[in-house]
Protein backbone atom coordinates (compact mmCIF):
# COMPACT_ATOMS: atom_id res chain seq x y z
CA UNK A 1 1.66 4.07 20.44
CA UNK A 2 0.88 2.77 16.71
CA UNK A 3 2.18 4.15 13.64
CA UNK A 4 -1.06 3.71 12.39
CA UNK A 5 -4.74 4.03 13.72
CA UNK A 6 -8.46 3.48 12.13
CA UNK A 7 -11.07 4.14 14.25
CA UNK A 8 -14.89 3.76 13.16
CA UNK A 9 -13.73 4.69 9.21
CA UNK A 10 -16.60 4.45 7.09
CA UNK A 11 -16.40 5.66 3.25
CA UNK A 12 -20.03 6.06 1.20
CA UNK A 13 -19.76 6.84 -2.51
CA UNK A 14 -22.77 8.87 -3.97
CA UNK A 15 -25.03 8.82 -0.76
CA UNK A 16 -25.49 5.09 -2.59
CA UNK A 17 -22.68 2.63 -2.31
CA UNK A 18 -21.01 1.40 1.14
CA UNK A 19 -17.63 0.56 0.53
CA UNK A 20 -16.33 0.88 4.38
CA UNK A 21 -18.58 0.19 7.50
CA UNK A 22 -17.29 1.27 10.73
CA UNK A 23 -13.24 -0.44 10.49
CA UNK A 24 -11.27 0.08 13.21
CA UNK A 25 -7.75 -1.17 13.25
CA UNK A 26 -4.31 -0.65 13.95
CA UNK A 27 -0.29 -1.10 12.38
CA UNK A 28 2.47 -1.54 15.07
CA UNK A 29 5.84 0.51 13.46
CA UNK A 30 7.53 -2.10 11.82
CA UNK A 31 4.90 -4.68 11.14
CA UNK A 32 4.19 -6.27 7.70
CA UNK A 33 0.27 -6.61 7.78
CA UNK A 34 -1.95 -7.94 4.68
CA UNK A 35 -5.30 -6.88 3.97
CA UNK A 36 -7.24 -10.10 2.03
CA UNK A 37 -10.84 -10.18 0.68
CA UNK A 38 -13.05 -10.18 -2.48
CA UNK A 39 -13.35 -8.18 -5.18
CA UNK A 40 -15.24 -5.28 -4.00
CA UNK A 41 -14.81 -5.57 -0.49
CA UNK A 42 -13.08 -2.69 0.16
CA UNK A 43 -9.74 -2.75 0.42
CA UNK A 44 -8.42 -0.41 -1.74
CA UNK A 45 -10.82 2.45 -0.40
CA UNK A 46 -9.48 1.21 2.82
CA UNK A 47 -5.83 1.99 1.46
CA UNK A 48 -6.83 5.12 -0.65
CA UNK A 49 -8.40 6.64 2.55
CA UNK A 50 -5.00 6.54 4.80
CA UNK A 51 -3.26 8.05 1.98
CA UNK A 52 -6.22 10.30 1.80
CA UNK A 53 -6.75 9.73 -2.32
CA UNK A 54 -10.26 9.56 -1.19
CA UNK A 55 -12.23 11.44 1.79
CA UNK A 56 -13.88 9.24 4.70
CA UNK A 57 -17.33 9.84 5.35
CA UNK A 58 -16.92 9.43 9.08
CA UNK A 59 -14.25 8.26 11.40
CA UNK A 60 -10.31 9.30 12.16
CA UNK A 61 -7.32 8.00 10.72
CA UNK A 62 -3.99 8.72 13.20
CA UNK A 63 -0.65 8.70 11.68
CA UNK A 64 2.18 8.99 13.80
CA UNK A 65 -0.54 10.20 16.99
CA UNK A 66 -1.74 12.86 14.31
CA UNK A 67 -5.27 13.15 13.15
CA UNK A 68 -4.84 12.73 9.23
CA UNK A 69 -8.02 12.90 8.30
CA UNK A 70 -8.75 17.02 7.97
CA UNK A 71 -5.12 18.17 7.29
CA UNK A 72 -5.39 20.06 3.71
CA UNK A 73 -2.82 21.52 1.52
CA UNK A 74 0.79 21.70 2.36
CA UNK A 75 0.22 20.07 5.83
CA UNK A 76 -1.75 17.12 3.64
CA UNK A 77 1.52 17.18 1.06
CA UNK A 78 4.08 16.81 4.41
CA UNK A 79 1.76 13.78 5.52
CA UNK A 80 2.04 12.29 1.98
CA UNK A 81 5.75 12.37 2.14
CA UNK A 82 5.75 9.51 4.52
CA UNK A 83 3.35 7.66 2.72
CA UNK A 84 4.87 5.52 -0.05
CA UNK A 85 1.90 4.23 -2.28
CA UNK A 86 2.41 1.14 -4.88
CA UNK A 87 -0.07 0.89 -7.29
CA UNK A 88 -1.53 -2.60 -9.08
CA UNK A 89 -1.28 -0.80 -12.59
CA UNK A 90 2.37 0.60 -11.53
CA UNK A 91 1.07 4.15 -12.19
CA UNK A 92 4.68 4.99 -14.06
CA UNK A 93 4.65 8.10 -16.68
CA UNK A 94 5.77 5.35 -19.44
CA UNK A 95 7.37 7.96 -21.64
CA UNK A 96 9.74 8.95 -19.20
CA UNK A 97 12.85 7.15 -17.72
CA UNK A 98 13.36 4.94 -15.14
CA UNK A 99 15.74 7.34 -13.22
CA UNK A 100 13.20 10.34 -13.71
CA UNK A 101 10.20 8.16 -12.53
CA UNK A 102 12.43 7.08 -9.39
CA UNK A 103 13.41 10.81 -8.65
CA UNK A 104 9.16 11.96 -9.29
CA UNK A 105 9.18 10.24 -5.37
CA UNK A 106 11.31 13.41 -4.16
CA UNK A 107 8.49 15.76 -5.84
CA UNK A 108 6.48 15.74 -2.52
CA UNK A 109 10.08 17.71 -0.91
CA UNK A 110 10.06 20.21 -3.79
CA UNK A 111 8.88 23.90 -4.41
CA UNK A 112 6.19 23.99 -7.17
CA UNK A 113 8.82 25.69 -9.64
CA UNK A 114 11.47 23.06 -8.53
CA UNK A 115 8.69 20.28 -9.31
CA UNK A 116 7.95 21.49 -12.47
CA UNK A 117 11.21 21.82 -14.21
CA UNK A 118 12.15 18.47 -12.61
CA UNK A 119 15.04 19.89 -10.70
CA UNK A 120 17.18 17.48 -8.05
CA UNK A 121 20.19 17.61 -6.04
CA UNK A 122 23.59 15.56 -6.88
CA UNK A 123 22.44 13.84 -3.40
CA UNK A 124 19.24 12.69 -5.04
CA UNK A 125 20.41 11.58 -7.83
CA UNK A 126 22.86 9.46 -5.94
CA UNK A 127 20.12 8.52 -3.73
CA UNK A 128 18.02 7.07 -6.41
CA UNK A 129 21.22 5.32 -8.28
CA UNK A 130 21.46 3.55 -4.66
CA UNK A 131 17.97 2.43 -4.69
CA UNK A 132 17.54 1.20 -8.24
CA UNK A 133 20.82 -1.31 -7.25
CA UNK A 134 19.42 -2.66 -4.18
CA UNK A 135 16.43 -3.21 -6.45
CA UNK A 136 18.49 -4.78 -9.56
CA UNK A 137 17.27 -2.28 -11.73
CA UNK A 138 20.71 -0.29 -12.34
CA UNK A 139 21.09 -1.28 -16.20
CA UNK A 140 17.49 -0.32 -16.82
CA UNK A 141 17.94 3.00 -15.42
CA UNK A 142 17.89 5.19 -18.25
CA UNK A 143 15.32 3.12 -20.44
CA UNK A 144 11.83 4.49 -20.61
CA UNK A 145 9.42 2.70 -18.55
CA UNK A 146 7.15 1.48 -21.58
CA UNK A 147 9.93 -0.73 -22.21
CA UNK A 148 9.95 -2.68 -19.07
CA UNK A 149 8.35 -6.04 -18.17
CA UNK A 150 5.76 -5.72 -15.86
CA UNK A 151 7.51 -7.09 -12.96
CA UNK A 152 10.50 -4.59 -13.32
CA UNK A 153 7.83 -1.97 -14.15
CA UNK A 154 6.49 -2.43 -10.44
CA UNK A 155 10.09 -2.30 -8.95
CA UNK A 156 10.24 0.70 -10.61
CA UNK A 157 7.34 1.67 -8.31
CA UNK A 158 8.69 0.72 -5.45
CA UNK A 159 11.81 2.40 -5.97
CA UNK A 160 10.08 5.73 -6.51
CA UNK A 161 8.27 5.14 -3.01
CA UNK A 162 11.42 4.60 -1.18
CA UNK A 163 12.81 8.21 -2.19
CA UNK A 164 10.26 9.40 -0.69
CA UNK A 165 11.79 7.72 2.80
CA UNK A 166 8.57 6.53 3.72
CA UNK A 167 7.74 5.10 7.50
CA UNK A 168 4.61 3.49 5.60
CA UNK A 169 4.10 1.90 2.58
CA UNK A 170 0.41 0.83 0.90
CA UNK A 171 0.45 -1.77 -1.37
CA UNK A 172 -2.60 -2.05 -3.60
CA UNK A 173 -2.97 -5.17 -4.93
CA UNK A 174 1.06 -5.25 -6.08
CA UNK A 175 1.05 -8.59 -7.55
CA UNK A 176 -2.55 -8.94 -9.38
CA UNK A 177 -0.93 -8.36 -12.60
CA UNK A 178 1.89 -10.33 -12.66
CA UNK A 179 3.06 -13.88 -13.62
CA UNK A 180 3.87 -16.00 -10.53
CA UNK A 181 7.88 -15.64 -10.66
CA UNK A 182 7.97 -11.90 -11.10
CA UNK A 183 5.27 -12.03 -8.05
CA UNK A 184 7.65 -14.17 -5.78
CA UNK A 185 10.30 -10.91 -6.90
CA UNK A 186 8.05 -8.50 -5.56
CA UNK A 187 6.65 -9.68 -2.45
CA UNK A 188 11.03 -10.90 -1.62
CA UNK A 189 11.66 -7.15 -2.08
CA UNK A 190 8.98 -5.94 0.10
CA UNK A 191 9.33 -8.54 2.96
CA UNK A 192 13.33 -7.31 2.73
CA UNK A 193 12.40 -3.51 2.92
CA UNK A 194 10.57 -3.99 5.74
CA UNK A 195 12.92 -6.21 7.65
CA UNK A 196 16.22 -4.24 6.70
CA UNK A 197 14.76 -0.89 6.30
CA UNK A 198 12.49 -1.04 8.93
CA UNK A 199 9.45 0.35 6.89
CA UNK A 200 6.24 -0.66 7.97
CA UNK A 201 3.96 -2.35 4.98
CA UNK A 202 0.17 -2.84 4.53
CA UNK A 203 -0.46 -4.82 1.27
CA UNK A 204 -3.47 -5.63 -0.35
CA UNK A 205 -3.80 -9.12 -1.83
CA UNK A 206 -6.07 -11.43 -3.36
CA UNK A 207 -4.06 -14.61 -2.76
CA UNK A 208 -4.54 -16.11 0.33
CA UNK A 209 -1.54 -18.06 0.12
CA UNK A 210 1.20 -15.09 -0.62
CA UNK A 211 -0.41 -13.33 2.42
CA UNK A 212 0.11 -16.04 4.53
CA UNK A 213 3.23 -16.51 3.52
CA UNK A 214 4.55 -13.11 4.04
CA UNK A 215 2.44 -11.20 6.72
CA UNK A 216 2.84 -11.51 10.32
CA UNK A 217 -0.69 -10.75 10.38
CA UNK A 218 -3.43 -10.64 8.40
CA UNK A 219 -6.89 -8.48 8.24
CA UNK A 220 -10.11 -9.99 6.56
CA UNK A 221 -11.89 -7.85 5.03
CA UNK A 222 -15.77 -8.41 3.62
CA UNK A 223 -18.47 -6.33 2.79
CA UNK A 224 -16.86 -3.26 4.19
CA UNK A 225 -16.11 -4.67 7.39
CA UNK A 226 -13.49 -6.32 9.54
CA UNK A 227 -14.26 -9.65 10.16
CA UNK A 228 -10.55 -11.29 10.92
CA UNK A 229 -7.41 -9.76 12.58
CA UNK A 230 -4.93 -11.69 13.34
CA UNK A 231 -1.65 -13.58 13.37
CA UNK A 232 -1.18 -15.11 9.85
CA UNK A 233 -0.67 -18.65 11.44
CA UNK A 234 -3.67 -18.56 13.09
CA UNK A 235 -5.95 -17.99 9.57
CA UNK A 236 -8.06 -21.19 9.67
CA UNK A 237 -9.82 -22.84 6.25
CA UNK A 238 -13.07 -21.90 7.70
CA UNK A 239 -12.50 -18.22 8.35
CA UNK A 240 -11.03 -17.77 4.66
CA UNK A 241 -14.51 -19.38 3.62
CA UNK A 242 -16.00 -16.88 5.50
CA UNK A 243 -14.05 -13.93 4.41
CA UNK A 244 -15.03 -14.93 0.64
CA UNK A 245 -18.34 -16.43 0.59
CA UNK A 246 -20.15 -13.72 3.07
CA UNK A 247 -19.11 -11.11 0.08
CA UNK A 248 -21.08 -13.47 -2.26
CA UNK A 249 -24.62 -13.48 -0.14
CA UNK A 250 -23.68 -15.56 2.74
CA UNK A 251 -24.44 -14.59 6.22
CA UNK A 252 -21.52 -12.55 8.01
CA UNK A 253 -20.73 -14.75 11.18
CA UNK A 254 -18.87 -13.84 14.35
CA UNK A 255 -15.28 -14.51 14.17
CA UNK A 256 -15.03 -15.94 17.27
CA UNK A 257 -17.52 -18.38 16.35
CA UNK A 258 -15.29 -19.48 13.01
CA UNK A 259 -12.29 -19.94 15.52
């Protein structure tokens, strides 16, 4: 059984703007999958629907066999502990230190009182430093996050996600704000995490060449619809053209005719 199954998912904002149209896909445990497509294609809405940051208009999302589109309260909180989220703009608390931001990855496991006073066990603190060491951030542990470079901030975001002990990491344009050197560092870390820790990764990317280089499989979305879902090595120039041009006024052509 797949770790993640999305079935006939649609999302409409304000009953006017359709972001996703009848999307179905599945992701096996341990896969590294990239989602590509032009701006406005629905990539971010897809990830935010999977993490329940937005609610789908219709369809189901099965995570580890459980339909999570209806869960609420404590059960939603439990589901989210197993799904790490990495954001384009880091989503860190800049006035706090690196180690404090990383420890926030444990908040989903805390009571409201423990979370509000920032209580963490010695074991959790040790775990945070182990993760920081793996990501080359030990020397920055006590720096405020607003003193870091963009690449360092994104590594803090990855460390925070790993503190959740997730089975799935969702990455929403994790390198869009970074220079090429920092982008390579982040993608190398994500691939290493996927291979060595066996954590499933679903990554939104603008850069097609990066997606092809790092992914086993690519999903192409345009106009809120999946138009390609297959091996990275089989993504043709013609299909790339279809994914990106169709959202700019061209026709969405049947995938089979484009391969």
